[in-house]
Amino acid sequence: MFRARRTSILIVIVGTLAMVFAGGASSLTATGSPAVRVDDAEPALSGDLLTRAREAALAVTGGGRVTDSEAGDEDSFYEVQVTLQDGRHVDVQLDTAFRVVSRSNDARRDDG
């Protein structure tokens, strides 16, 4: 009897953890959290996160086109790469509240 009760409790605990994990994963997707890019280890921004990061980055650069984004960058919480009209790249580092931490101009040009 003790063994059956212990097994039942274990099944309930494992089932609960499985539901919490599955629910957490689906809620992250539903809220627009970062989606993982195939070509990079850091997750790309999407949904509302991308919208807010794009607005913050373009306000700092005075325009341009967002060509890359990621969460969990080594320099900040979010990083947004903006390509300016002249082809130069600007990396804008943002904190969790989408405030600018830093920006760096990149010498590379997008000739495409």
PDB file of N, CA and C in Angstrom:
ATOM      1  N   MET A   1       0.812  -1.186   0.000  1.00  0.00           N
ATOM      2  CA  MET A   1       0.000   0.000   0.000  1.00  0.00           C
ATOM      3  C   MET A   1       0.861   1.258   0.000  1.00  0.00           C
ATOM      4  N   PHE A   2       1.908   1.258   0.819  1.00  0.00           N
ATOM      5  CA  PHE A   2       2.806   2.412   0.863  1.00  0.00           C
ATOM      6  C   PHE A   2       3.473   2.625  -0.496  1.00  0.00           C
ATOM      7  N   ARG A   3       3.874   1.523  -1.136  1.00  0.00           N
ATOM      8  CA  ARG A   3       4.542   1.606  -2.432  1.00  0.00           C
ATOM      9  C   ARG A   3       3.585   2.147  -3.499  1.00  0.00           C
ATOM     10  N   ALA A   4       2.355   1.724  -3.488  1.00  0.00           N
ATOM     11  CA  ALA A   4       1.362   2.197  -4.460  1.00  0.00           C
ATOM     12  C   ALA A   4       1.105   3.693  -4.267  1.00  0.00           C
ATOM     13  N   ARG A   5       1.022   4.127  -3.020  1.00  0.00           N
ATOM     14  CA  ARG A   5       0.790   5.548  -2.741  1.00  0.00           C
ATOM     15  C   ARG A   5       1.981   6.385  -3.183  1.00  0.00           C
ATOM     16  N   ARG A   6       3.192   5.885  -2.920  1.00  0.00           N
ATOM     17  CA  ARG A   6       4.401   6.601  -3.330  1.00  0.00           C
ATOM     18  C   ARG A   6       4.469   6.700  -4.848  1.00  0.00           C
ATOM     19  N   THR A   7       4.099   5.632  -5.544  1.00  0.00           N
ATOM     20  CA  THR A   7       4.097   5.638  -7.005  1.00  0.00           C
ATOM     21  C   THR A   7       3.066   6.638  -7.525  1.00  0.00           C
ATOM     22  N   SER A   8       1.903   6.686  -6.925  1.00  0.00           N
ATOM     23  CA  SER A   8       0.866   7.632  -7.341  1.00  0.00           C
ATOM     24  C   SER A   8       1.322   9.074  -7.157  1.00  0.00           C
ATOM     25  N   ILE A   9       1.952   9.350  -6.032  1.00  0.00           N
ATOM     26  CA  ILE A   9       2.455  10.697  -5.773  1.00  0.00           C
ATOM     27  C   ILE A   9       3.521  11.075  -6.791  1.00  0.00           C
ATOM     28  N   LEU A  10       4.392  10.139  -7.100  1.00  0.00           N
ATOM     29  CA  LEU A  10       5.445  10.385  -8.083  1.00  0.00           C
ATOM     30  C   LEU A  10       4.851  10.672  -9.453  1.00  0.00           C
ATOM     31  N   ILE A  11       3.823   9.928  -9.835  1.00  0.00           N
ATOM     32  CA  ILE A  11       3.173  10.145 -11.136  1.00  0.00           C
ATOM     33  C   ILE A  11       2.543  11.534 -11.186  1.00  0.00           C
ATOM     34  N   VAL A  12       1.896  11.942 -10.100  1.00  0.00           N
ATOM     35  CA  VAL A  12       1.282  13.271 -10.054  1.00  0.00           C
ATOM     36  C   VAL A  12       2.346  14.363 -10.166  1.00  0.00           C
ATOM     37  N   ILE A  13       3.454  14.199  -9.475  1.00  0.00           N
ATOM     38  CA  ILE A  13       4.522  15.200  -9.522  1.00  0.00           C
ATOM     39  C   ILE A  13       5.117  15.297 -10.919  1.00  0.00           C
ATOM     40  N   VAL A  14       5.422  14.158 -11.520  1.00  0.00           N
ATOM     41  CA  VAL A  14       6.002  14.154 -12.867  1.00  0.00           C
ATOM     42  C   VAL A  14       5.013  14.751 -13.872  1.00  0.00           C
ATOM     43  N   GLY A  15       3.746  14.389 -13.754  1.00  0.00           N
ATOM     44  CA  GLY A  15       2.728  14.934 -14.654  1.00  0.00           C
ATOM     45  C   GLY A  15       2.584  16.433 -14.511  1.00  0.00           C
ATOM     46  N   THR A  16       2.602  16.912 -13.282  1.00  0.00           N
ATOM     47  CA  THR A  16       2.504  18.349 -13.025  1.00  0.00           C
ATOM     48  C   THR A  16       3.691  19.095 -13.615  1.00  0.00           C
ATOM     49  N   LEU A  17       4.881  18.555 -13.410  1.00  0.00           N
ATOM     50  CA  LEU A  17       6.075  19.196 -13.982  1.00  0.00           C
ATOM     51  C   LEU A  17       6.017  19.222 -15.498  1.00  0.00           C
ATOM     52  N   ALA A  18       5.529  18.151 -16.099  1.00  0.00           N
ATOM     53  CA  ALA A  18       5.409  18.106 -17.559  1.00  0.00           C
ATOM     54  C   ALA A  18       4.434  19.160 -18.056  1.00  0.00           C
ATOM     55  N   MET A  19       3.312  19.338 -17.343  1.00  0.00           N
ATOM     56  CA  MET A  19       2.339  20.350 -17.755  1.00  0.00           C
ATOM     57  C   MET A  19       2.894  21.761 -17.572  1.00  0.00           C
ATOM     58  N   VAL A  20       3.611  21.983 -16.491  1.00  0.00           N
ATOM     59  CA  VAL A  20       4.201  23.302 -16.254  1.00  0.00           C
ATOM     60  C   VAL A  20       5.208  23.626 -17.347  1.00  0.00           C
ATOM     61  N   PHE A  21       6.052  22.662 -17.680  1.00  0.00           N
ATOM     62  CA  PHE A  21       7.042  22.888 -18.731  1.00  0.00           C
ATOM     63  C   PHE A  21       6.369  23.143 -20.065  1.00  0.00           C
ATOM     64  N   ALA A  22       5.390  22.336 -20.437  1.00  0.00           N
ATOM     65  CA  ALA A  22       4.700  22.503 -21.719  1.00  0.00           C
ATOM     66  C   ALA A  22       3.949  23.821 -21.753  1.00  0.00           C
ATOM     67  N   GLY A  23       3.291  24.177 -20.656  1.00  0.00           N
ATOM     68  CA  GLY A  23       2.567  25.445 -20.601  1.00  0.00           C
ATOM     69  C   GLY A  23       3.491  26.630 -20.661  1.00  0.00           C
ATOM     70  N   GLY A  24       4.623  26.548 -19.989  1.00  0.00           N
ATOM     71  CA  GLY A  24       5.608  27.629 -20.025  1.00  0.00           C
ATOM     72  C   GLY A  24       6.174  27.825 -21.409  1.00  0.00           C
ATOM     73  N   ALA A  25       6.460  26.734 -22.086  1.00  0.00           N
ATOM     74  CA  ALA A  25       7.008  26.825 -23.443  1.00  0.00           C
ATOM     75  C   ALA A  25       5.994  27.431 -24.392  1.00  0.00           C
ATOM     76  N   SER A  26       4.720  27.030 -24.283  1.00  0.00           N
ATOM     77  CA  SER A  26       3.717  27.585 -25.189  1.00  0.00           C
ATOM     78  C   SER A  26       3.418  29.034 -24.861  1.00  0.00           C
ATOM     79  N   SER A  27       3.472  29.420 -23.590  1.00  0.00           N
ATOM     80  CA  SER A  27       3.219  30.825 -23.257  1.00  0.00           C
ATOM     81  C   SER A  27       4.353  31.716 -23.733  1.00  0.00           C
ATOM     82  N   LEU A  28       5.585  31.212 -23.746  1.00  0.00           N
ATOM     83  CA  LEU A  28       6.693  32.006 -24.272  1.00  0.00           C
ATOM     84  C   LEU A  28       6.487  32.268 -25.754  1.00  0.00           C
ATOM     85  N   THR A  29       6.028  31.269 -26.486  1.00  0.00           N
ATOM     86  CA  THR A  29       5.781  31.434 -27.914  1.00  0.00           C
ATOM     87  C   THR A  29       4.634  32.402 -28.130  1.00  0.00           C
ATOM     88  N   ALA A  30       3.588  32.285 -27.332  1.00  0.00           N
ATOM     89  CA  ALA A  30       2.415  33.134 -27.503  1.00  0.00           C
ATOM     90  C   ALA A  30       2.699  34.592 -27.171  1.00  0.00           C
ATOM     91  N   THR A  31       3.633  34.873 -26.295  1.00  0.00           N
ATOM     92  CA  THR A  31       3.897  36.251 -25.908  1.00  0.00           C
ATOM     93  C   THR A  31       4.936  36.924 -26.788  1.00  0.00           C
ATOM     94  N   GLY A  32       5.398  36.260 -27.820  1.00  0.00           N
ATOM     95  CA  GLY A  32       6.333  36.895 -28.738  1.00  0.00           C
ATOM     96  C   GLY A  32       7.748  36.921 -28.243  1.00  0.00           C
ATOM     97  N   SER A  33       8.138  35.953 -27.480  1.00  0.00           N
ATOM     98  CA  SER A  33       9.510  35.907 -27.008  1.00  0.00           C
ATOM     99  C   SER A  33      10.430  35.532 -28.158  1.00  0.00           C
ATOM    100  N   PRO A  34      11.719  35.628 -27.955  1.00  0.00           N
ATOM    101  CA  PRO A  34      12.648  35.358 -29.035  1.00  0.00           C
ATOM    102  C   PRO A  34      12.488  33.968 -29.636  1.00  0.00           C
ATOM    103  N   ALA A  35      12.589  33.911 -30.953  1.00  0.00           N
ATOM    104  CA  ALA A  35      12.609  32.632 -31.666  1.00  0.00           C
ATOM    105  C   ALA A  35      14.056  32.332 -32.032  1.00  0.00           C
ATOM    106  N   VAL A  36      14.456  31.100 -31.969  1.00  0.00           N
ATOM    107  CA  VAL A  36      15.848  30.740 -32.218  1.00  0.00           C
ATOM    108  C   VAL A  36      16.120  30.716 -33.721  1.00  0.00           C
ATOM    109  N   ARG A  37      17.195  31.357 -34.108  1.00  0.00           N
ATOM    110  CA  ARG A  37      17.631  31.328 -35.498  1.00  0.00           C
ATOM    111  C   ARG A  37      18.464  30.090 -35.736  1.00  0.00           C
ATOM    112  N   VAL A  38      18.396  29.570 -36.938  1.00  0.00           N
ATOM    113  CA  VAL A  38      19.149  28.373 -37.283  1.00  0.00           C
ATOM    114  C   VAL A  38      20.639  28.669 -37.356  1.00  0.00           C
ATOM    115  N   ASP A  39      21.012  29.860 -37.817  1.00  0.00           N
ATOM    116  CA  ASP A  39      22.411  30.179 -38.076  1.00  0.00           C
ATOM    117  C   ASP A  39      23.142  30.811 -36.903  1.00  0.00           C
ATOM    118  N   ASP A  40      22.494  30.955 -35.762  1.00  0.00           N
ATOM    119  CA  ASP A  40      23.127  31.673 -34.667  1.00  0.00           C
ATOM    120  C   ASP A  40      22.700  31.060 -33.342  1.00  0.00           C
ATOM    121  N   ALA A  41      23.567  31.135 -32.359  1.00  0.00           N
ATOM    122  CA  ALA A  41      23.259  30.562 -31.053  1.00  0.00           C
ATOM    123  C   ALA A  41      22.323  31.461 -30.258  1.00  0.00           C
ATOM    124  N   GLU A  42      22.375  32.781 -30.459  1.00  0.00           N
ATOM    125  CA  GLU A  42      21.500  33.688 -29.732  1.00  0.00           C
ATOM    126  C   GLU A  42      20.143  33.730 -30.412  1.00  0.00           C
ATOM    127  N   PRO A  43      19.077  33.811 -29.629  1.00  0.00           N
ATOM    128  CA  PRO A  43      17.738  33.852 -30.219  1.00  0.00           C
ATOM    129  C   PRO A  43      17.452  35.188 -30.891  1.00  0.00           C
ATOM    130  N   ALA A  44      16.794  35.127 -32.040  1.00  0.00           N
ATOM    131  CA  ALA A  44      16.371  36.332 -32.750  1.00  0.00           C
ATOM    132  C   ALA A  44      15.113  36.877 -32.093  1.00  0.00           C
ATOM    133  N   LEU A  45      14.910  38.163 -32.199  1.00  0.00           N
ATOM    134  CA  LEU A  45      13.706  38.777 -31.646  1.00  0.00           C
ATOM    135  C   LEU A  45      12.550  38.602 -32.619  1.00  0.00           C
ATOM    136  N   SER A  46      11.343  38.519 -32.069  1.00  0.00           N
ATOM    137  CA  SER A  46      10.147  38.424 -32.892  1.00  0.00           C
ATOM    138  C   SER A  46       8.990  39.071 -32.153  1.00  0.00           C
ATOM    139  N   GLY A  47       7.899  39.262 -32.843  1.00  0.00           N
ATOM    140  CA  GLY A  47       6.680  39.793 -32.235  1.00  0.00           C
ATOM    141  C   GLY A  47       6.875  41.160 -31.600  1.00  0.00           C
ATOM    142  N   ASP A  48       6.271  41.332 -30.431  1.00  0.00           N
ATOM    143  CA  ASP A  48       6.309  42.610 -29.718  1.00  0.00           C
ATOM    144  C   ASP A  48       7.731  42.999 -29.321  1.00  0.00           C
ATOM    145  N   LEU A  49       8.546  42.009 -28.967  1.00  0.00           N
ATOM    146  CA  LEU A  49       9.938  42.318 -28.604  1.00  0.00           C
ATOM    147  C   LEU A  49      10.675  42.942 -29.778  1.00  0.00           C
ATOM    148  N   LEU A  50      10.495  42.383 -30.963  1.00  0.00           N
ATOM    149  CA  LEU A  50      11.150  42.933 -32.154  1.00  0.00           C
ATOM    150  C   LEU A  50      10.622  44.328 -32.457  1.00  0.00           C
ATOM    151  N   THR A  51       9.325  44.520 -32.339  1.00  0.00           N
ATOM    152  CA  THR A  51       8.727  45.833 -32.604  1.00  0.00           C
ATOM    153  C   THR A  51       9.313  46.899 -31.678  1.00  0.00           C
ATOM    154  N   ARG A  52       9.358  46.598 -30.382  1.00  0.00           N
ATOM    155  CA  ARG A  52       9.878  47.571 -29.411  1.00  0.00           C
ATOM    156  C   ARG A  52      11.372  47.830 -29.616  1.00  0.00           C
ATOM    157  N   ALA A  53      12.132  46.771 -29.872  1.00  0.00           N
ATOM    158  CA  ALA A  53      13.571  46.933 -30.094  1.00  0.00           C
ATOM    159  C   ALA A  53      13.833  47.707 -31.384  1.00  0.00           C
ATOM    160  N   ARG A  54      13.069  47.428 -32.428  1.00  0.00           N
ATOM    161  CA  ARG A  54      13.218  48.138 -33.706  1.00  0.00           C
ATOM    162  C   ARG A  54      12.962  49.629 -33.512  1.00  0.00           C
ATOM    163  N   GLU A  55      11.869  49.970 -32.813  1.00  0.00           N
ATOM    164  CA  GLU A  55      11.541  51.382 -32.587  1.00  0.00           C
ATOM    165  C   GLU A  55      12.652  52.097 -31.826  1.00  0.00           C
ATOM    166  N   ALA A  56      13.182  51.447 -30.794  1.00  0.00           N
ATOM    167  CA  ALA A  56      14.252  52.059 -29.997  1.00  0.00           C
ATOM    168  C   ALA A  56      15.513  52.246 -30.828  1.00  0.00           C
ATOM    169  N   ALA A  57      15.874  51.245 -31.609  1.00  0.00           N
ATOM    170  CA  ALA A  57      17.101  51.319 -32.407  1.00  0.00           C
ATOM    171  C   ALA A  57      16.989  52.366 -33.509  1.00  0.00           C
ATOM    172  N   LEU A  58      15.859  52.393 -34.204  1.00  0.00           N
ATOM    173  CA  LEU A  58      15.699  53.361 -35.294  1.00  0.00           C
ATOM    174  C   LEU A  58      15.608  54.791 -34.772  1.00  0.00           C
ATOM    175  N   ALA A  59      15.112  54.975 -33.560  1.00  0.00           N
ATOM    176  CA  ALA A  59      15.087  56.318 -32.961  1.00  0.00           C
ATOM    177  C   ALA A  59      16.504  56.814 -32.718  1.00  0.00           C
ATOM    178  N   VAL A  60      17.408  55.909 -32.366  1.00  0.00           N
ATOM    179  CA  VAL A  60      18.798  56.283 -32.094  1.00  0.00           C
ATOM    180  C   VAL A  60      19.558  56.534 -33.389  1.00  0.00           C
ATOM    181  N   THR A  61      19.301  55.713 -34.400  1.00  0.00           N
ATOM    182  CA  THR A  61      20.059  55.835 -35.651  1.00  0.00           C
ATOM    183  C   THR A  61      19.460  56.869 -36.596  1.00  0.00           C
ATOM    184  N   GLY A  62      18.253  57.324 -36.326  1.00  0.00           N
ATOM    185  CA  GLY A  62      17.613  58.290 -37.209  1.00  0.00           C
ATOM    186  C   GLY A  62      17.085  57.660 -38.479  1.00  0.00           C
ATOM    187  N   GLY A  63      16.844  56.381 -38.458  1.00  0.00           N
ATOM    188  CA  GLY A  63      16.316  55.688 -39.631  1.00  0.00           C
ATOM    189  C   GLY A  63      17.209  54.536 -40.023  1.00  0.00           C
ATOM    190  N   GLY A  64      16.896  53.961 -41.158  1.00  0.00           N
ATOM    191  CA  GLY A  64      17.627  52.802 -41.652  1.00  0.00           C
ATOM    192  C   GLY A  64      16.726  51.588 -41.678  1.00  0.00           C
ATOM    193  N   ARG A  65      17.345  50.431 -41.835  1.00  0.00           N
ATOM    194  CA  ARG A  65      16.609  49.176 -41.952  1.00  0.00           C
ATOM    195  C   ARG A  65      17.190  48.177 -40.953  1.00  0.00           C
ATOM    196  N   VAL A  66      16.331  47.583 -40.114  1.00  0.00           N
ATOM    197  CA  VAL A  66      16.790  46.563 -39.171  1.00  0.00           C
ATOM    198  C   VAL A  66      17.125  45.307 -39.952  1.00  0.00           C
ATOM    199  N   THR A  67      18.381  44.878 -39.863  1.00  0.00           N
ATOM    200  CA  THR A  67      18.829  43.719 -40.626  1.00  0.00           C
ATOM    201  C   THR A  67      19.155  42.516 -39.761  1.00  0.00           C
ATOM    202  N   ASP A  68      19.183  42.694 -38.436  1.00  0.00           N
ATOM    203  CA  ASP A  68      19.433  41.576 -37.538  1.00  0.00           C
ATOM    204  C   ASP A  68      19.047  41.997 -36.133  1.00  0.00           C
ATOM    205  N   SER A  69      18.720  41.000 -35.317  1.00  0.00           N
ATOM    206  CA  SER A  69      18.408  41.262 -33.918  1.00  0.00           C
ATOM    207  C   SER A  69      18.683  39.991 -33.133  1.00  0.00           C
ATOM    208  N   GLU A  70      18.946  40.167 -31.845  1.00  0.00           N
ATOM    209  CA  GLU A  70      19.142  39.000 -31.000  1.00  0.00           C
ATOM    210  C   GLU A  70      18.926  39.355 -29.540  1.00  0.00           C
ATOM    211  N   ALA A  71      18.559  38.347 -28.790  1.00  0.00           N
ATOM    212  CA  ALA A  71      18.423  38.481 -27.341  1.00  0.00           C
ATOM    213  C   ALA A  71      19.585  37.751 -26.700  1.00  0.00           C
ATOM    214  N   GLY A  72      20.001  38.241 -25.551  1.00  0.00           N
ATOM    215  CA  GLY A  72      21.088  37.571 -24.845  1.00  0.00           C
ATOM    216  C   GLY A  72      22.447  37.828 -25.449  1.00  0.00           C
ATOM    217  N   ASP A  73      22.598  38.971 -26.057  1.00  0.00           N
ATOM    218  CA  ASP A  73      23.886  39.344 -26.633  1.00  0.00           C
ATOM    219  C   ASP A  73      24.924  39.484 -25.517  1.00  0.00           C
ATOM    220  N   GLU A  74      26.181  39.283 -25.841  1.00  0.00           N
ATOM    221  CA  GLU A  74      27.237  39.359 -24.827  1.00  0.00           C
ATOM    222  C   GLU A  74      27.430  40.774 -24.271  1.00  0.00           C
ATOM    223  N   ASP A  75      26.988  41.797 -25.003  1.00  0.00           N
ATOM    224  CA  ASP A  75      27.175  43.180 -24.569  1.00  0.00           C
ATOM    225  C   ASP A  75      25.945  43.788 -23.894  1.00  0.00           C
ATOM    226  N   SER A  76      24.769  43.215 -24.108  1.00  0.00           N
ATOM    227  CA  SER A  76      23.543  43.784 -23.565  1.00  0.00           C
ATOM    228  C   SER A  76      22.448  42.723 -23.590  1.00  0.00           C
ATOM    229  N   PHE A  77      21.249  43.131 -23.203  1.00  0.00           N
ATOM    230  CA  PHE A  77      20.142  42.180 -23.203  1.00  0.00           C
ATOM    231  C   PHE A  77      19.625  41.951 -24.610  1.00  0.00           C
ATOM    232  N   TYR A  78      19.489  43.032 -25.393  1.00  0.00           N
ATOM    233  CA  TYR A  78      19.068  42.936 -26.790  1.00  0.00           C
ATOM    234  C   TYR A  78      20.093  43.659 -27.655  1.00  0.00           C
ATOM    235  N   GLU A  79      20.269  43.167 -28.875  1.00  0.00           N
ATOM    236  CA  GLU A  79      21.095  43.864 -29.853  1.00  0.00           C
ATOM    237  C   GLU A  79      20.309  43.957 -31.151  1.00  0.00           C
ATOM    238  N   VAL A  80      20.322  45.135 -31.747  1.00  0.00           N
ATOM    239  CA  VAL A  80      19.649  45.349 -33.023  1.00  0.00           C
ATOM    240  C   VAL A  80      20.671  45.926 -33.987  1.00  0.00           C
ATOM    241  N   GLN A  81      20.804  45.286 -35.150  1.00  0.00           N
ATOM    242  CA  GLN A  81      21.705  45.803 -36.175  1.00  0.00           C
ATOM    243  C   GLN A  81      20.869  46.565 -37.196  1.00  0.00           C
ATOM    244  N   VAL A  82      21.268  47.803 -37.435  1.00  0.00           N
ATOM    245  CA  VAL A  82      20.575  48.651 -38.387  1.00  0.00           C
ATOM    246  C   VAL A  82      21.523  48.936 -39.541  1.00  0.00           C
ATOM    247  N   THR A  83      21.026  48.779 -40.764  1.00  0.00           N
ATOM    248  CA  THR A  83      21.796  49.150 -41.950  1.00  0.00           C
ATOM    249  C   THR A  83      21.287  50.506 -42.416  1.00  0.00           C
ATOM    250  N   LEU A  84      22.191  51.473 -42.446  1.00  0.00           N
ATOM    251  CA  LEU A  84      21.841  52.831 -42.852  1.00  0.00           C
ATOM    252  C   LEU A  84      21.761  52.921 -44.374  1.00  0.00           C
ATOM    253  N   GLN A  85      21.228  54.017 -44.871  1.00  0.00           N
ATOM    254  CA  GLN A  85      21.055  54.187 -46.320  1.00  0.00           C
ATOM    255  C   GLN A  85      22.379  54.138 -47.076  1.00  0.00           C
ATOM    256  N   ASP A  86      23.475  54.559 -46.431  1.00  0.00           N
ATOM    257  CA  ASP A  86      24.771  54.532 -47.106  1.00  0.00           C
ATOM    258  C   ASP A  86      25.448  53.160 -47.012  1.00  0.00           C
ATOM    259  N   GLY A  87      24.768  52.179 -46.396  1.00  0.00           N
ATOM    260  CA  GLY A  87      25.296  50.818 -46.325  1.00  0.00           C
ATOM    261  C   GLY A  87      26.045  50.489 -45.042  1.00  0.00           C
ATOM    262  N   ARG A  88      26.326  51.493 -44.211  1.00  0.00           N
ATOM    263  CA  ARG A  88      27.009  51.222 -42.944  1.00  0.00           C
ATOM    264  C   ARG A  88      26.071  50.518 -41.978  1.00  0.00           C
ATOM    265  N   HIS A  89      26.656  49.706 -41.094  1.00  0.00           N
ATOM    266  CA  HIS A  89      25.902  48.992 -40.069  1.00  0.00           C
ATOM    267  C   HIS A  89      26.110  49.671 -38.722  1.00  0.00           C
ATOM    268  N   VAL A  90      25.057  49.779 -37.950  1.00  0.00           N
ATOM    269  CA  VAL A  90      25.119  50.296 -36.585  1.00  0.00           C
ATOM    270  C   VAL A  90      24.520  49.229 -35.673  1.00  0.00           C
ATOM    271  N   ASP A  91      25.276  48.824 -34.667  1.00  0.00           N
ATOM    272  CA  ASP A  91      24.781  47.885 -33.667  1.00  0.00           C
ATOM    273  C   ASP A  91      24.302  48.681 -32.465  1.00  0.00           C
ATOM    274  N   VAL A  92      23.031  48.520 -32.124  1.00  0.00           N
ATOM    275  CA  VAL A  92      22.438  49.230 -30.999  1.00  0.00           C
ATOM    276  C   VAL A  92      22.186  48.211 -29.883  1.00  0.00           C
ATOM    277  N   GLN A  93      22.783  48.473 -28.730  1.00  0.00           N
ATOM    278  CA  GLN A  93      22.634  47.593 -27.566  1.00  0.00           C
ATOM    279  C   GLN A  93      21.540  48.168 -26.664  1.00  0.00           C
ATOM    280  N   LEU A  94      20.595  47.310 -26.238  1.00  0.00           N
ATOM    281  CA  LEU A  94      19.464  47.740 -25.424  1.00  0.00           C
ATOM    282  C   LEU A  94      19.392  46.932 -24.136  1.00  0.00           C
ATOM    283  N   ASP A  95      18.863  47.560 -23.074  1.00  0.00           N
ATOM    284  CA  ASP A  95      18.656  46.824 -21.830  1.00  0.00           C
ATOM    285  C   ASP A  95      17.258  46.199 -21.841  1.00  0.00           C
ATOM    286  N   THR A  96      16.840  45.631 -20.729  1.00  0.00           N
ATOM    287  CA  THR A  96      15.555  44.929 -20.669  1.00  0.00           C
ATOM    288  C   THR A  96      14.350  45.857 -20.848  1.00  0.00           C
ATOM    289  N   ALA A  97      14.545  47.155 -20.616  1.00  0.00           N
ATOM    290  CA  ALA A  97      13.472  48.137 -20.797  1.00  0.00           C
ATOM    291  C   ALA A  97      13.580  48.833 -22.150  1.00  0.00           C
ATOM    292  N   PHE A  98      14.404  48.307 -23.040  1.00  0.00           N
ATOM    293  CA  PHE A  98      14.617  48.843 -24.391  1.00  0.00           C
ATOM    294  C   PHE A  98      15.247  50.239 -24.374  1.00  0.00           C
ATOM    295  N   ARG A  99      16.018  50.517 -23.331  1.00  0.00           N
ATOM    296  CA  ARG A  99      16.806  51.753 -23.279  1.00  0.00           C
ATOM    297  C   ARG A  99      18.162  51.460 -23.895  1.00  0.00           C
ATOM    298  N   VAL A 100      18.714  52.442 -24.576  1.00  0.00           N
ATOM    299  CA  VAL A 100      19.992  52.266 -25.254  1.00  0.00           C
ATOM    300  C   VAL A 100      21.119  52.183 -24.232  1.00  0.00           C
ATOM    301  N   VAL A 101      21.896  51.120 -24.325  1.00  0.00           N
ATOM    302  CA  VAL A 101      23.072  50.926 -23.490  1.00  0.00           C
ATOM    303  C   VAL A 101      24.289  51.484 -24.215  1.00  0.00           C
ATOM    304  N   SER A 102      24.377  51.178 -25.505  1.00  0.00           N
ATOM    305  CA  SER A 102      25.453  51.706 -26.336  1.00  0.00           C
ATOM    306  C   SER A 102      25.097  51.515 -27.800  1.00  0.00           C
ATOM    307  N   ARG A 103      25.885  52.152 -28.641  1.00  0.00           N
ATOM    308  CA  ARG A 103      25.762  51.947 -30.085  1.00  0.00           C
ATOM    309  C   ARG A 103      27.145  51.986 -30.666  1.00  0.00           C
ATOM    310  N   SER A 104      27.355  51.178 -31.678  1.00  0.00           N
ATOM    311  CA  SER A 104      28.668  51.164 -32.319  1.00  0.00           C
ATOM    312  C   SER A 104      28.489  51.137 -33.823  1.00  0.00           C
ATOM    313  N   ASN A 105      29.254  51.994 -34.479  1.00  0.00           N
ATOM    314  CA  ASN A 105      29.246  52.019 -35.930  1.00  0.00           C
ATOM    315  C   ASN A 105      30.205  50.966 -36.436  1.00  0.00           C
ATOM    316  N   ASP A 106      29.770  50.237 -37.404  1.00  0.00           N
ATOM    317  CA  ASP A 106      30.569  49.171 -37.984  1.00  0.00           C
ATOM    318  C   ASP A 106      31.077  49.654 -39.342  1.00  0.00           C
ATOM    319  N   ALA A 107      32.319  49.394 -39.622  1.00  0.00           N
ATOM    320  CA  ALA A 107      32.930  49.843 -40.881  1.00  0.00           C
ATOM    321  C   ALA A 107      32.391  49.063 -42.083  1.00  0.00           C
ATOM    322  N   ARG A 108      31.800  47.897 -41.827  1.00  0.00           N
ATOM    323  CA  ARG A 108      31.282  47.095 -42.949  1.00  0.00           C
ATOM    324  C   ARG A 108      30.175  47.821 -43.658  1.00  0.00           C
ATOM    325  N   ARG A 109      30.106  47.614 -44.941  1.00  0.00           N
ATOM    326  CA  ARG A 109      29.025  48.184 -45.746  1.00  0.00           C
ATOM    327  C   ARG A 109      28.262  47.058 -46.425  1.00  0.00           C
ATOM    328  N   ASP A 110      26.966  47.268 -46.576  1.00  0.00           N
ATOM    329  CA  ASP A 110      26.112  46.318 -47.263  1.00  0.00           C
ATOM    330  C   ASP A 110      26.007  46.787 -48.698  1.00  0.00           C
ATOM    331  N   ASP A 111      26.730  46.157 -49.588  1.00  0.00           N
ATOM    332  CA  ASP A 111      26.752  46.595 -50.984  1.00  0.00           C
ATOM    333  C   ASP A 111      25.610  46.002 -51.797  1.00  0.00           C
ATOM    334  N   GLY A 112      24.745  45.188 -51.144  1.00  0.00           N
ATOM    335  CA  GLY A 112      23.636  44.547 -51.854  1.00  0.00           C
ATOM    336  C   GLY A 112      22.532  45.451 -51.947  1.00  0.00           C
TER     337      GLY A 112
END
